[in-house]
Amino acid sequence: MAGSNPRPFLDSNVLFSAFYNPTSDPRELLRRHAQDVLSIVVSSLVLREITRSLRRKQPSRLPELDAFLRNTPPEIVPAPSNDAINAIAHCINEKDAPILAAAVTSRADCIVSGNTRHFNQETAECAGIAIFTPAAYLTALERSKGIRH
């Protein structure tokens, strides 16, 4: 993917939705990634979680995940260090702190998550990273690049 593309960090719930519903906004993010409009960033933790969730809830979708990772791989960042997690832990609940730390340390442009309970404006301000829902991110992308979805 091109270096000048937007680099959103996707939470595992967004990836799950993308594979669960092929007409969803999360799936549109994968299409935009494949079209080189944006460069998806995920962490190894997100990949582990999405694989586990699909295996448990939608095993028939695992080949789609494999094809995505093989044909249009996202940027995969390592799990954050304990120091990075501890530095950001005051911004979010304990379970989501490793995901937030991975997004911040990856220097992604923003986080895209459907978890608006924990990944909200307060978390964004505390961590210093923009947070969008998939629909809001697509709207922002359209405005910045003149693209329609």
Protein backbone atom coordinates (compact mmCIF):
# COMPACT_ATOMS: atom_id res chain seq x y z
CA MET A 1 0.00 0.00 0.00
CA ALA A 2 1.16 3.53 -0.72
CA GLY A 3 3.00 5.44 1.97
CA SER A 4 0.89 8.59 1.65
CA ASN A 5 -2.42 6.80 2.24
CA PRO A 6 -4.39 7.31 5.44
CA ARG A 7 -3.42 4.67 8.02
CA PRO A 8 -6.41 3.76 10.22
CA PHE A 9 -5.87 1.21 12.99
CA LEU A 10 -8.80 -1.24 12.96
CA ASP A 11 -10.14 -2.76 16.14
CA SER A 12 -11.06 -6.45 16.05
CA ASN A 13 -14.81 -5.73 16.14
CA VAL A 14 -14.47 -3.85 12.86
CA LEU A 15 -12.65 -6.73 11.20
CA PHE A 16 -15.21 -9.21 12.55
CA SER A 17 -18.04 -7.11 11.11
CA ALA A 18 -16.24 -6.85 7.78
CA PHE A 19 -16.13 -10.62 7.42
CA TYR A 20 -19.56 -11.21 8.96
CA ASN A 21 -21.44 -8.74 6.74
CA PRO A 22 -20.15 -8.22 3.18
CA THR A 23 -22.30 -5.10 2.67
CA SER A 24 -21.19 -3.34 5.87
CA ASP A 25 -19.14 -0.18 6.32
CA PRO A 26 -16.31 -2.29 7.80
CA ARG A 27 -16.24 -4.36 4.58
CA GLU A 28 -16.04 -1.12 2.62
CA LEU A 29 -12.88 -0.29 4.58
CA LEU A 30 -11.34 -3.56 3.35
CA ARG A 31 -12.36 -2.69 -0.22
CA ARG A 32 -10.74 0.74 0.07
CA HIS A 33 -7.60 -0.91 1.40
CA ALA A 34 -7.56 -3.32 -1.57
CA GLN A 35 -8.03 -0.32 -3.91
CA ASP A 36 -4.98 1.39 -2.31
CA VAL A 37 -7.13 4.26 -1.01
CA LEU A 38 -6.07 3.61 2.57
CA SER A 39 -3.59 1.40 4.40
CA ILE A 40 -5.13 -0.61 7.22
CA VAL A 41 -3.05 -1.10 10.35
CA VAL A 42 -3.73 -3.88 12.86
CA SER A 43 -1.77 -5.40 15.69
CA SER A 44 -0.88 -9.01 16.23
CA LEU A 45 -3.33 -8.91 19.16
CA VAL A 46 -6.18 -7.85 16.84
CA LEU A 47 -5.34 -10.65 14.41
CA ARG A 48 -5.30 -13.20 17.22
CA GLU A 49 -8.65 -11.95 18.51
CA ILE A 50 -10.35 -11.87 15.08
CA THR A 51 -9.11 -15.37 14.27
CA ARG A 52 -10.43 -16.68 17.58
CA SER A 53 -13.79 -14.91 17.16
CA LEU A 54 -14.31 -16.12 13.60
CA ARG A 55 -13.30 -19.67 14.53
CA ARG A 56 -15.87 -19.64 17.34
CA LYS A 57 -18.75 -17.69 15.74
CA GLN A 58 -18.30 -17.77 11.94
CA PRO A 59 -15.83 -20.51 10.97
CA SER A 60 -17.03 -20.43 7.35
CA ARG A 61 -15.51 -16.91 7.10
CA LEU A 62 -11.96 -17.96 8.02
CA PRO A 63 -10.98 -18.52 4.35
CA GLU A 64 -11.96 -14.89 3.64
CA LEU A 65 -9.69 -13.70 6.44
CA ASP A 66 -6.87 -15.86 5.09
CA ALA A 67 -7.40 -14.46 1.58
CA PHE A 68 -7.38 -10.89 2.91
CA LEU A 69 -4.13 -11.48 4.80
CA ARG A 70 -2.52 -13.18 1.80
CA ASN A 71 -3.74 -10.97 -1.07
CA THR A 72 -4.02 -7.50 0.47
CA PRO A 73 -2.18 -7.73 3.77
CA PRO A 74 -2.59 -4.91 6.27
CA GLU A 75 0.34 -3.42 8.11
CA ILE A 76 0.74 -5.67 11.14
CA VAL A 77 2.37 -4.07 14.17
CA PRO A 78 3.66 -6.07 17.13
CA ALA A 79 1.89 -6.24 20.45
CA PRO A 80 2.81 -3.19 22.54
CA SER A 81 5.29 -3.42 25.39
CA ASN A 82 4.06 -3.53 28.97
CA ASP A 83 5.50 -0.04 29.42
CA ALA A 84 3.42 1.26 26.51
CA ILE A 85 0.28 -0.40 27.90
CA ASN A 86 0.92 0.99 31.39
CA ALA A 87 1.50 4.48 30.00
CA ILE A 88 -1.93 4.53 28.33
CA ALA A 89 -3.91 2.40 30.82
CA HIS A 90 -5.40 5.42 32.59
CA CYS A 91 -7.23 6.32 29.37
CA ILE A 92 -9.31 3.16 28.95
CA ASN A 93 -10.46 -0.05 30.62
CA GLU A 94 -7.84 -2.72 31.30
CA LYS A 95 -9.04 -5.14 28.59
CA ASP A 96 -8.74 -2.53 25.80
CA ALA A 97 -5.51 -0.89 26.97
CA PRO A 98 -3.28 -3.18 24.83
CA ILE A 99 -5.29 -2.29 21.70
CA LEU A 100 -5.15 1.43 22.43
CA ALA A 101 -1.42 1.20 23.16
CA ALA A 102 -0.82 -0.70 19.91
CA ALA A 103 -2.69 1.95 17.93
CA VAL A 104 -0.82 4.83 19.56
CA THR A 105 2.63 3.24 19.27
CA SER A 106 1.96 2.30 15.62
CA ARG A 107 1.53 6.01 14.84
CA ALA A 108 -1.69 5.21 12.98
CA ASP A 109 -3.72 8.24 11.94
CA CYS A 110 -6.71 7.12 14.00
CA ILE A 111 -8.55 4.17 15.50
CA VAL A 112 -11.66 2.76 13.83
CA SER A 113 -13.81 0.86 16.31
CA GLY A 114 -17.42 -0.08 16.81
CA ASN A 115 -16.84 -0.13 20.57
CA THR A 116 -18.12 3.35 21.33
CA ARG A 117 -18.46 2.55 25.02
CA HIS A 118 -14.68 2.37 25.53
CA PHE A 119 -13.25 3.94 22.36
CA ASN A 120 -14.96 7.31 22.72
CA GLN A 121 -14.13 11.02 22.68
CA GLU A 122 -12.80 10.97 26.24
CA THR A 123 -10.42 8.12 25.35
CA ALA A 124 -9.38 9.92 22.16
CA GLU A 125 -8.52 13.10 24.05
CA CYS A 126 -6.65 11.23 26.78
CA ALA A 127 -4.61 9.13 24.35
CA GLY A 128 -4.08 11.84 21.74
CA ILE A 129 -5.50 9.85 18.82
CA ALA A 130 -8.70 10.35 16.84
CA ILE A 131 -11.33 7.62 17.15
CA PHE A 132 -14.06 6.95 14.59
CA THR A 133 -16.82 4.46 14.01
CA PRO A 134 -16.55 2.79 10.58
CA ALA A 135 -19.34 4.98 9.15
CA ALA A 136 -17.82 8.17 10.54
CA TYR A 137 -14.39 7.22 9.18
CA LEU A 138 -15.77 6.60 5.70
CA THR A 139 -17.52 9.97 5.82
CA ALA A 140 -14.28 11.68 6.87
CA LEU A 141 -12.38 9.84 4.13
CA GLU A 142 -14.92 10.97 1.53
CA ARG A 143 -14.58 14.57 2.63
CA SER A 144 -10.79 14.47 2.55
CA LYS A 145 -10.44 12.71 -0.81
CA GLY A 146 -13.72 13.42 -2.56
CA ILE A 147 -14.66 9.71 -2.56
CA ARG A 148 -18.18 8.29 -2.32
CA HIS A 149 -19.15 4.99 -0.72
